[in-house]
Amino acid sequence: MKKQDIRWQQRFTNFNKALSQLTKFITKQELNELGGLMKDGDRWMDMVENRKLTFHTYNEEVASNMVKLITQQYFQAFTALQTALADKVDSK
């Protein structure tokens, strides 16, 4: 018996969740789900873009640049987010 491919249904479910969340944010005119916890949006978007560049890279120059960015910029962003989230948990 041939197994039915349900991946498209799973993707559609995930799409609907994402669209529902986006709709909620658009109506509130607030795109930061974490309520201002992520202070440097440009840095976070740079991380997303750079992840795309390094997903399957075998380029030593790109890899070296990413090490520099992670140690000099991105690590600070992650620790700041961790602190903000911990403070939010502690305040409840």
PDB file of N, CA and C in Angstrom:
ATOM      1  N   MET A   1       0.836  -1.180   0.000  1.00  0.00           N
ATOM      2  CA  MET A   1       0.000   0.000   0.000  1.00  0.00           C
ATOM      3  C   MET A   1       0.884   1.248   0.000  1.00  0.00           C
ATOM      4  N   LYS A   2       0.593   2.196  -0.873  1.00  0.00           N
ATOM      5  CA  LYS A   2       1.384   3.409  -0.995  1.00  0.00           C
ATOM      6  C   LYS A   2       1.054   4.370   0.151  1.00  0.00           C
ATOM      7  N   LYS A   3       2.111   4.868   0.789  1.00  0.00           N
ATOM      8  CA  LYS A   3       1.944   5.813   1.889  1.00  0.00           C
ATOM      9  C   LYS A   3       1.588   7.183   1.320  1.00  0.00           C
ATOM     10  N   GLN A   4       0.571   7.811   1.905  1.00  0.00           N
ATOM     11  CA  GLN A   4       0.127   9.120   1.442  1.00  0.00           C
ATOM     12  C   GLN A   4       1.101  10.201   1.916  1.00  0.00           C
ATOM     13  N   ASP A   5       1.451  11.105   1.008  1.00  0.00           N
ATOM     14  CA  ASP A   5       2.352  12.213   1.331  1.00  0.00           C
ATOM     15  C   ASP A   5       1.546  13.321   2.016  1.00  0.00           C
ATOM     16  N   ILE A   6       1.828  13.556   3.293  1.00  0.00           N
ATOM     17  CA  ILE A   6       1.082  14.572   4.047  1.00  0.00           C
ATOM     18  C   ILE A   6       1.941  15.801   4.341  1.00  0.00           C
ATOM     19  N   ARG A   7       3.133  15.849   3.774  1.00  0.00           N
ATOM     20  CA  ARG A   7       4.015  16.989   4.061  1.00  0.00           C
ATOM     21  C   ARG A   7       3.382  18.316   3.700  1.00  0.00           C
ATOM     22  N   TRP A   8       2.639  18.347   2.597  1.00  0.00           N
ATOM     23  CA  TRP A   8       2.014  19.609   2.197  1.00  0.00           C
ATOM     24  C   TRP A   8       0.998  20.046   3.236  1.00  0.00           C
ATOM     25  N   GLN A   9       0.321  19.086   3.874  1.00  0.00           N
ATOM     26  CA  GLN A   9      -0.648  19.433   4.915  1.00  0.00           C
ATOM     27  C   GLN A   9       0.059  19.988   6.155  1.00  0.00           C
ATOM     28  N   GLN A  10       1.201  19.405   6.493  1.00  0.00           N
ATOM     29  CA  GLN A  10       1.979  19.901   7.621  1.00  0.00           C
ATOM     30  C   GLN A  10       2.484  21.317   7.338  1.00  0.00           C
ATOM     31  N   ARG A  11       2.961  21.523   6.136  1.00  0.00           N
ATOM     32  CA  ARG A  11       3.426  22.859   5.753  1.00  0.00           C
ATOM     33  C   ARG A  11       2.285  23.869   5.772  1.00  0.00           C
ATOM     34  N   PHE A  12       1.110  23.434   5.305  1.00  0.00           N
ATOM     35  CA  PHE A  12      -0.058  24.310   5.305  1.00  0.00           C
ATOM     36  C   PHE A  12      -0.458  24.673   6.735  1.00  0.00           C
ATOM     37  N   THR A  13      -0.403  23.719   7.640  1.00  0.00           N
ATOM     38  CA  THR A  13      -0.704  23.984   9.054  1.00  0.00           C
ATOM     39  C   THR A  13       0.275  24.996   9.623  1.00  0.00           C
ATOM     40  N   ASN A  14       1.566  24.807   9.356  1.00  0.00           N
ATOM     41  CA  ASN A  14       2.578  25.753   9.828  1.00  0.00           C
ATOM     42  C   ASN A  14       2.394  27.132   9.204  1.00  0.00           C
ATOM     43  N   PHE A  15       2.050  27.162   7.926  1.00  0.00           N
ATOM     44  CA  PHE A  15       1.782  28.432   7.248  1.00  0.00           C
ATOM     45  C   PHE A  15       0.619  29.152   7.924  1.00  0.00           C
ATOM     46  N   ASN A  16      -0.452  28.425   8.212  1.00  0.00           N
ATOM     47  CA  ASN A  16      -1.616  29.036   8.860  1.00  0.00           C
ATOM     48  C   ASN A  16      -1.266  29.586  10.239  1.00  0.00           C
ATOM     49  N   LYS A  17      -0.435  28.872  10.990  1.00  0.00           N
ATOM     50  CA  LYS A  17       0.002  29.367  12.299  1.00  0.00           C
ATOM     51  C   LYS A  17       0.785  30.663  12.146  1.00  0.00           C
ATOM     52  N   ALA A  18       1.710  30.683  11.194  1.00  0.00           N
ATOM     53  CA  ALA A  18       2.534  31.868  10.972  1.00  0.00           C
ATOM     54  C   ALA A  18       1.677  33.050  10.513  1.00  0.00           C
ATOM     55  N   LEU A  19       0.735  32.786   9.612  1.00  0.00           N
ATOM     56  CA  LEU A  19      -0.132  33.856   9.124  1.00  0.00           C
ATOM     57  C   LEU A  19      -1.026  34.386  10.239  1.00  0.00           C
ATOM     58  N   SER A  20      -1.512  33.509  11.096  1.00  0.00           N
ATOM     59  CA  SER A  20      -2.328  33.930  12.232  1.00  0.00           C
ATOM     60  C   SER A  20      -1.526  34.825  13.175  1.00  0.00           C
ATOM     61  N   GLN A  21      -0.305  34.440  13.421  1.00  0.00           N
ATOM     62  CA  GLN A  21       0.554  35.242  14.295  1.00  0.00           C
ATOM     63  C   GLN A  21       0.870  36.593  13.653  1.00  0.00           C
ATOM     64  N   LEU A  22       1.172  36.593  12.382  1.00  0.00           N
ATOM     65  CA  LEU A  22       1.446  37.847  11.681  1.00  0.00           C
ATOM     66  C   LEU A  22       0.219  38.754  11.706  1.00  0.00           C
ATOM     67  N   THR A  23      -0.952  38.184  11.493  1.00  0.00           N
ATOM     68  CA  THR A  23      -2.196  38.954  11.534  1.00  0.00           C
ATOM     69  C   THR A  23      -2.373  39.608  12.900  1.00  0.00           C
ATOM     70  N   LYS A  24      -2.107  38.843  13.956  1.00  0.00           N
ATOM     71  CA  LYS A  24      -2.218  39.377  15.316  1.00  0.00           C
ATOM     72  C   LYS A  24      -1.263  40.552  15.498  1.00  0.00           C
ATOM     73  N   PHE A  25      -0.039  40.423  15.028  1.00  0.00           N
ATOM     74  CA  PHE A  25       0.952  41.475  15.195  1.00  0.00           C
ATOM     75  C   PHE A  25       0.613  42.707  14.362  1.00  0.00           C
ATOM     76  N   ILE A  26       0.116  42.486  13.163  1.00  0.00           N
ATOM     77  CA  ILE A  26      -0.233  43.610  12.291  1.00  0.00           C
ATOM     78  C   ILE A  26      -1.382  44.407  12.902  1.00  0.00           C
ATOM     79  N   THR A  27      -2.378  43.723  13.432  1.00  0.00           N
ATOM     80  CA  THR A  27      -3.505  44.440  14.018  1.00  0.00           C
ATOM     81  C   THR A  27      -3.090  45.208  15.267  1.00  0.00           C
ATOM     82  N   LYS A  28      -2.112  44.701  15.994  1.00  0.00           N
ATOM     83  CA  LYS A  28      -1.606  45.400  17.173  1.00  0.00           C
ATOM     84  C   LYS A  28      -0.534  46.421  16.781  1.00  0.00           C
ATOM     85  N   GLN A  29      -0.085  46.377  15.537  1.00  0.00           N
ATOM     86  CA  GLN A  29       1.014  47.190  15.028  1.00  0.00           C
ATOM     87  C   GLN A  29       2.261  47.022  15.890  1.00  0.00           C
ATOM     88  N   GLU A  30       2.490  45.810  16.319  1.00  0.00           N
ATOM     89  CA  GLU A  30       3.659  45.494  17.148  1.00  0.00           C
ATOM     90  C   GLU A  30       4.219  44.163  16.655  1.00  0.00           C
ATOM     91  N   LEU A  31       5.351  44.211  15.990  1.00  0.00           N
ATOM     92  CA  LEU A  31       5.924  43.005  15.412  1.00  0.00           C
ATOM     93  C   LEU A  31       6.890  42.290  16.348  1.00  0.00           C
ATOM     94  N   ASN A  32       7.076  42.790  17.547  1.00  0.00           N
ATOM     95  CA  ASN A  32       7.998  42.157  18.481  1.00  0.00           C
ATOM     96  C   ASN A  32       7.199  41.362  19.503  1.00  0.00           C
ATOM     97  N   GLU A  33       7.078  40.067  19.270  1.00  0.00           N
ATOM     98  CA  GLU A  33       6.299  39.189  20.140  1.00  0.00           C
ATOM     99  C   GLU A  33       6.811  39.203  21.568  1.00  0.00           C
ATOM    100  N   LEU A  34       8.072  39.463  21.744  1.00  0.00           N
ATOM    101  CA  LEU A  34       8.667  39.407  23.067  1.00  0.00           C
ATOM    102  C   LEU A  34       8.548  40.727  23.813  1.00  0.00           C
ATOM    103  N   GLY A  35       7.768  41.643  23.308  1.00  0.00           N
ATOM    104  CA  GLY A  35       7.492  42.875  24.033  1.00  0.00           C
ATOM    105  C   GLY A  35       8.703  43.749  24.268  1.00  0.00           C
ATOM    106  N   GLY A  36       9.532  43.923  23.266  1.00  0.00           N
ATOM    107  CA  GLY A  36      10.672  44.809  23.393  1.00  0.00           C
ATOM    108  C   GLY A  36      11.909  44.167  23.985  1.00  0.00           C
ATOM    109  N   LEU A  37      11.927  42.862  24.142  1.00  0.00           N
ATOM    110  CA  LEU A  37      13.088  42.202  24.745  1.00  0.00           C
ATOM    111  C   LEU A  37      14.286  42.163  23.804  1.00  0.00           C
ATOM    112  N   MET A  38      14.028  42.161  22.522  1.00  0.00           N
ATOM    113  CA  MET A  38      15.111  42.135  21.545  1.00  0.00           C
ATOM    114  C   MET A  38      15.364  43.572  21.109  1.00  0.00           C
ATOM    115  N   LYS A  39      16.375  44.175  21.690  1.00  0.00           N
ATOM    116  CA  LYS A  39      16.613  45.608  21.513  1.00  0.00           C
ATOM    117  C   LYS A  39      17.230  45.971  20.162  1.00  0.00           C
ATOM    118  N   ASP A  40      18.056  45.116  19.614  1.00  0.00           N
ATOM    119  CA  ASP A  40      18.793  45.449  18.393  1.00  0.00           C
ATOM    120  C   ASP A  40      18.294  44.589  17.229  1.00  0.00           C
ATOM    121  N   GLY A  41      17.179  44.998  16.667  1.00  0.00           N
ATOM    122  CA  GLY A  41      16.561  44.230  15.588  1.00  0.00           C
ATOM    123  C   GLY A  41      17.446  44.054  14.367  1.00  0.00           C
ATOM    124  N   ASP A  42      18.224  45.089  14.043  1.00  0.00           N
ATOM    125  CA  ASP A  42      19.109  44.991  12.878  1.00  0.00           C
ATOM    126  C   ASP A  42      20.151  43.891  13.063  1.00  0.00           C
ATOM    127  N   ARG A  43      20.683  43.778  14.263  1.00  0.00           N
ATOM    128  CA  ARG A  43      21.674  42.732  14.525  1.00  0.00           C
ATOM    129  C   ARG A  43      21.040  41.347  14.376  1.00  0.00           C
ATOM    130  N   TRP A  44      19.807  41.189  14.880  1.00  0.00           N
ATOM    131  CA  TRP A  44      19.135  39.895  14.770  1.00  0.00           C
ATOM    132  C   TRP A  44      18.854  39.562  13.306  1.00  0.00           C
ATOM    133  N   MET A  45      18.483  40.553  12.506  1.00  0.00           N
ATOM    134  CA  MET A  45      18.249  40.300  11.086  1.00  0.00           C
ATOM    135  C   MET A  45      19.557  39.961  10.371  1.00  0.00           C
ATOM    136  N   ASP A  46      20.652  40.593  10.785  1.00  0.00           N
ATOM    137  CA  ASP A  46      21.965  40.231  10.226  1.00  0.00           C
ATOM    138  C   ASP A  46      22.280  38.768  10.527  1.00  0.00           C
ATOM    139  N   MET A  47      21.951  38.337  11.735  1.00  0.00           N
ATOM    140  CA  MET A  47      22.197  36.931  12.095  1.00  0.00           C
ATOM    141  C   MET A  47      21.429  35.996  11.173  1.00  0.00           C
ATOM    142  N   VAL A  48      20.179  36.339  10.906  1.00  0.00           N
ATOM    143  CA  VAL A  48      19.350  35.505  10.022  1.00  0.00           C
ATOM    144  C   VAL A  48      19.970  35.456   8.629  1.00  0.00           C
ATOM    145  N   GLU A  49      20.351  36.604   8.109  1.00  0.00           N
ATOM    146  CA  GLU A  49      20.938  36.653   6.770  1.00  0.00           C
ATOM    147  C   GLU A  49      22.257  35.883   6.709  1.00  0.00           C
ATOM    148  N   ASN A  50      23.089  36.056   7.732  1.00  0.00           N
ATOM    149  CA  ASN A  50      24.378  35.364   7.737  1.00  0.00           C
ATOM    150  C   ASN A  50      24.220  33.869   7.912  1.00  0.00           C
ATOM    151  N   ARG A  51      23.180  33.448   8.589  1.00  0.00           N
ATOM    152  CA  ARG A  51      22.938  32.013   8.719  1.00  0.00           C
ATOM    153  C   ARG A  51      22.673  31.415   7.339  1.00  0.00           C
ATOM    154  N   LYS A  52      21.945  32.151   6.514  1.00  0.00           N
ATOM    155  CA  LYS A  52      21.672  31.680   5.156  1.00  0.00           C
ATOM    156  C   LYS A  52      22.977  31.504   4.373  1.00  0.00           C
ATOM    157  N   LEU A  53      23.930  32.410   4.600  1.00  0.00           N
ATOM    158  CA  LEU A  53      25.208  32.334   3.879  1.00  0.00           C
ATOM    159  C   LEU A  53      26.054  31.155   4.326  1.00  0.00           C
ATOM    160  N   THR A  54      25.870  30.745   5.569  1.00  0.00           N
ATOM    161  CA  THR A  54      26.772  29.737   6.134  1.00  0.00           C
ATOM    162  C   THR A  54      26.151  28.360   6.269  1.00  0.00           C
ATOM    163  N   PHE A  55      24.936  28.199   5.810  1.00  0.00           N
ATOM    164  CA  PHE A  55      24.252  26.926   6.004  1.00  0.00           C
ATOM    165  C   PHE A  55      25.042  25.755   5.425  1.00  0.00           C
ATOM    166  N   HIS A  56      25.524  25.911   4.226  1.00  0.00           N
ATOM    167  CA  HIS A  56      26.330  24.860   3.587  1.00  0.00           C
ATOM    168  C   HIS A  56      27.578  25.488   2.970  1.00  0.00           C
ATOM    169  N   THR A  57      28.335  26.195   3.779  1.00  0.00           N
ATOM    170  CA  THR A  57      29.516  26.846   3.224  1.00  0.00           C
ATOM    171  C   THR A  57      30.769  26.035   3.510  1.00  0.00           C
ATOM    172  N   TYR A  58      31.617  26.056   2.556  1.00  0.00           N
ATOM    173  CA  TYR A  58      32.928  25.425   2.711  1.00  0.00           C
ATOM    174  C   TYR A  58      34.004  26.451   2.396  1.00  0.00           C
ATOM    175  N   ASN A  59      33.623  27.718   2.490  1.00  0.00           N
ATOM    176  CA  ASN A  59      34.507  28.828   2.192  1.00  0.00           C
ATOM    177  C   ASN A  59      35.151  29.279   3.503  1.00  0.00           C
ATOM    178  N   GLU A  60      36.456  29.155   3.587  1.00  0.00           N
ATOM    179  CA  GLU A  60      37.165  29.473   4.822  1.00  0.00           C
ATOM    180  C   GLU A  60      37.045  30.952   5.193  1.00  0.00           C
ATOM    181  N   GLU A  61      37.029  31.818   4.206  1.00  0.00           N
ATOM    182  CA  GLU A  61      36.911  33.249   4.482  1.00  0.00           C
ATOM    183  C   GLU A  61      35.551  33.571   5.110  1.00  0.00           C
ATOM    184  N   VAL A  62      34.490  32.979   4.578  1.00  0.00           N
ATOM    185  CA  VAL A  62      33.146  33.191   5.136  1.00  0.00           C
ATOM    186  C   VAL A  62      33.091  32.641   6.558  1.00  0.00           C
ATOM    187  N   ALA A  63      33.651  31.454   6.760  1.00  0.00           N
ATOM    188  CA  ALA A  63      33.650  30.839   8.087  1.00  0.00           C
ATOM    189  C   ALA A  63      34.429  31.688   9.090  1.00  0.00           C
ATOM    190  N   SER A  64      35.568  32.194   8.693  1.00  0.00           N
ATOM    191  CA  SER A  64      36.371  33.046   9.586  1.00  0.00           C
ATOM    192  C   SER A  64      35.630  34.328   9.937  1.00  0.00           C
ATOM    193  N   ASN A  65      34.947  34.909   8.952  1.00  0.00           N
ATOM    194  CA  ASN A  65      34.169  36.112   9.202  1.00  0.00           C
ATOM    195  C   ASN A  65      33.034  35.824  10.186  1.00  0.00           C
ATOM    196  N   MET A  66      32.410  34.666  10.060  1.00  0.00           N
ATOM    197  CA  MET A  66      31.323  34.314  10.975  1.00  0.00           C
ATOM    198  C   MET A  66      31.833  34.122  12.400  1.00  0.00           C
ATOM    199  N   VAL A  67      32.989  33.531  12.555  1.00  0.00           N
ATOM    200  CA  VAL A  67      33.570  33.375  13.892  1.00  0.00           C
ATOM    201  C   VAL A  67      33.754  34.746  14.530  1.00  0.00           C
ATOM    202  N   LYS A  68      34.262  35.684  13.743  1.00  0.00           N
ATOM    203  CA  LYS A  68      34.472  37.053  14.227  1.00  0.00           C
ATOM    204  C   LYS A  68      33.146  37.702  14.631  1.00  0.00           C
ATOM    205  N   LEU A  69      32.128  37.581  13.779  1.00  0.00           N
ATOM    206  CA  LEU A  69      30.817  38.162  14.084  1.00  0.00           C
ATOM    207  C   LEU A  69      30.190  37.527  15.323  1.00  0.00           C
ATOM    208  N   ILE A  70      30.303  36.216  15.435  1.00  0.00           N
ATOM    209  CA  ILE A  70      29.713  35.519  16.582  1.00  0.00           C
ATOM    210  C   ILE A  70      30.376  35.960  17.877  1.00  0.00           C
ATOM    211  N   THR A  71      31.693  36.006  17.884  1.00  0.00           N
ATOM    212  CA  THR A  71      32.399  36.339  19.127  1.00  0.00           C
ATOM    213  C   THR A  71      32.316  37.821  19.470  1.00  0.00           C
ATOM    214  N   GLN A  72      32.248  38.690  18.457  1.00  0.00           N
ATOM    215  CA  GLN A  72      32.285  40.130  18.717  1.00  0.00           C
ATOM    216  C   GLN A  72      30.908  40.799  18.775  1.00  0.00           C
ATOM    217  N   GLN A  73      29.889  40.182  18.166  1.00  0.00           N
ATOM    218  CA  GLN A  73      28.579  40.832  18.121  1.00  0.00           C
ATOM    219  C   GLN A  73      27.428  39.932  18.566  1.00  0.00           C
ATOM    220  N   TYR A  74      27.321  38.768  17.956  1.00  0.00           N
ATOM    221  CA  TYR A  74      26.134  37.947  18.155  1.00  0.00           C
ATOM    222  C   TYR A  74      26.054  37.372  19.563  1.00  0.00           C
ATOM    223  N   PHE A  75      27.168  36.994  20.139  1.00  0.00           N
ATOM    224  CA  PHE A  75      27.161  36.445  21.494  1.00  0.00           C
ATOM    225  C   PHE A  75      26.572  37.462  22.473  1.00  0.00           C
ATOM    226  N   GLN A  76      26.921  38.721  22.307  1.00  0.00           N
ATOM    227  CA  GLN A  76      26.384  39.780  23.169  1.00  0.00           C
ATOM    228  C   GLN A  76      24.864  39.889  23.026  1.00  0.00           C
ATOM    229  N   ALA A  77      24.372  39.748  21.822  1.00  0.00           N
ATOM    230  CA  ALA A  77      22.928  39.822  21.592  1.00  0.00           C
ATOM    231  C   ALA A  77      22.218  38.654  22.280  1.00  0.00           C
ATOM    232  N   PHE A  78      22.793  37.464  22.192  1.00  0.00           N
ATOM    233  CA  PHE A  78      22.187  36.297  22.845  1.00  0.00           C
ATOM    234  C   PHE A  78      22.216  36.427  24.365  1.00  0.00           C
ATOM    235  N   THR A  79      23.308  36.926  24.915  1.00  0.00           N
ATOM    236  CA  THR A  79      23.371  37.064  26.371  1.00  0.00           C
ATOM    237  C   THR A  79      22.423  38.167  26.856  1.00  0.00           C
ATOM    238  N   ALA A  80      22.270  39.226  26.070  1.00  0.00           N
ATOM    239  CA  ALA A  80      21.318  40.285  26.436  1.00  0.00           C
ATOM    240  C   ALA A  80      19.889  39.745  26.415  1.00  0.00           C
ATOM    241  N   LEU A  81      19.564  38.942  25.416  1.00  0.00           N
ATOM    242  CA  LEU A  81      18.234  38.338  25.350  1.00  0.00           C
ATOM    243  C   LEU A  81      18.018  37.381  26.519  1.00  0.00           C
ATOM    244  N   GLN A  82      19.031  36.592  26.848  1.00  0.00           N
ATOM    245  CA  GLN A  82      18.920  35.660  27.971  1.00  0.00           C
ATOM    246  C   GLN A  82      18.669  36.421  29.269  1.00  0.00           C
ATOM    247  N   THR A  83      19.359  37.510  29.467  1.00  0.00           N
ATOM    248  CA  THR A  83      19.173  38.330  30.671  1.00  0.00           C
ATOM    249  C   THR A  83      17.767  38.917  30.710  1.00  0.00           C
ATOM    250  N   ALA A  84      17.300  39.443  29.583  1.00  0.00           N
ATOM    251  CA  ALA A  84      15.965  40.033  29.530  1.00  0.00           C
ATOM    252  C   ALA A  84      14.886  38.985  29.799  1.00  0.00           C
ATOM    253  N   LEU A  85      15.043  37.796  29.241  1.00  0.00           N
ATOM    254  CA  LEU A  85      14.069  36.727  29.476  1.00  0.00           C
ATOM    255  C   LEU A  85      14.108  36.261  30.923  1.00  0.00           C
ATOM    256  N   ALA A  86      15.302  36.149  31.493  1.00  0.00           N
ATOM    257  CA  ALA A  86      15.422  35.749  32.900  1.00  0.00           C
ATOM    258  C   ALA A  86      14.769  36.776  33.804  1.00  0.00           C
ATOM    259  N   ASP A  87      14.969  38.050  33.502  1.00  0.00           N
ATOM    260  CA  ASP A  87      14.328  39.116  34.289  1.00  0.00           C
ATOM    261  C   ASP A  87      12.807  39.028  34.194  1.00  0.00           C
ATOM    262  N   LYS A  88      12.316  38.717  33.004  1.00  0.00           N
ATOM    263  CA  LYS A  88      10.864  38.586  32.801  1.00  0.00           C
ATOM    264  C   LYS A  88      10.317  37.409  33.618  1.00  0.00           C
ATOM    265  N   VAL A  89      11.039  36.302  33.633  1.00  0.00           N
ATOM    266  CA  VAL A  89      10.621  35.136  34.423  1.00  0.00           C
ATOM    267  C   VAL A  89      10.645  35.475  35.909  1.00  0.00           C
ATOM    268  N   ASP A  90      11.677  36.148  36.349  1.00  0.00           N
ATOM    269  CA  ASP A  90      11.824  36.489  37.773  1.00  0.00           C
ATOM    270  C   ASP A  90      10.767  37.480  38.242  1.00  0.00           C
ATOM    271  N   SER A  91      10.261  38.311  37.326  1.00  0.00           N
ATOM    272  CA  SER A  91       9.288  39.324  37.721  1.00  0.00           C
ATOM    273  C   SER A  91       7.871  38.764  37.866  1.00  0.00           C
ATOM    274  N   LYS A  92       7.679  37.517  37.490  1.00  0.00           N
ATOM    275  CA  LYS A  92       6.333  36.909  37.584  1.00  0.00           C
ATOM    276  C   LYS A  92       6.130  36.187  38.873  1.00  0.00           C
TER     277      LYS A  92
END
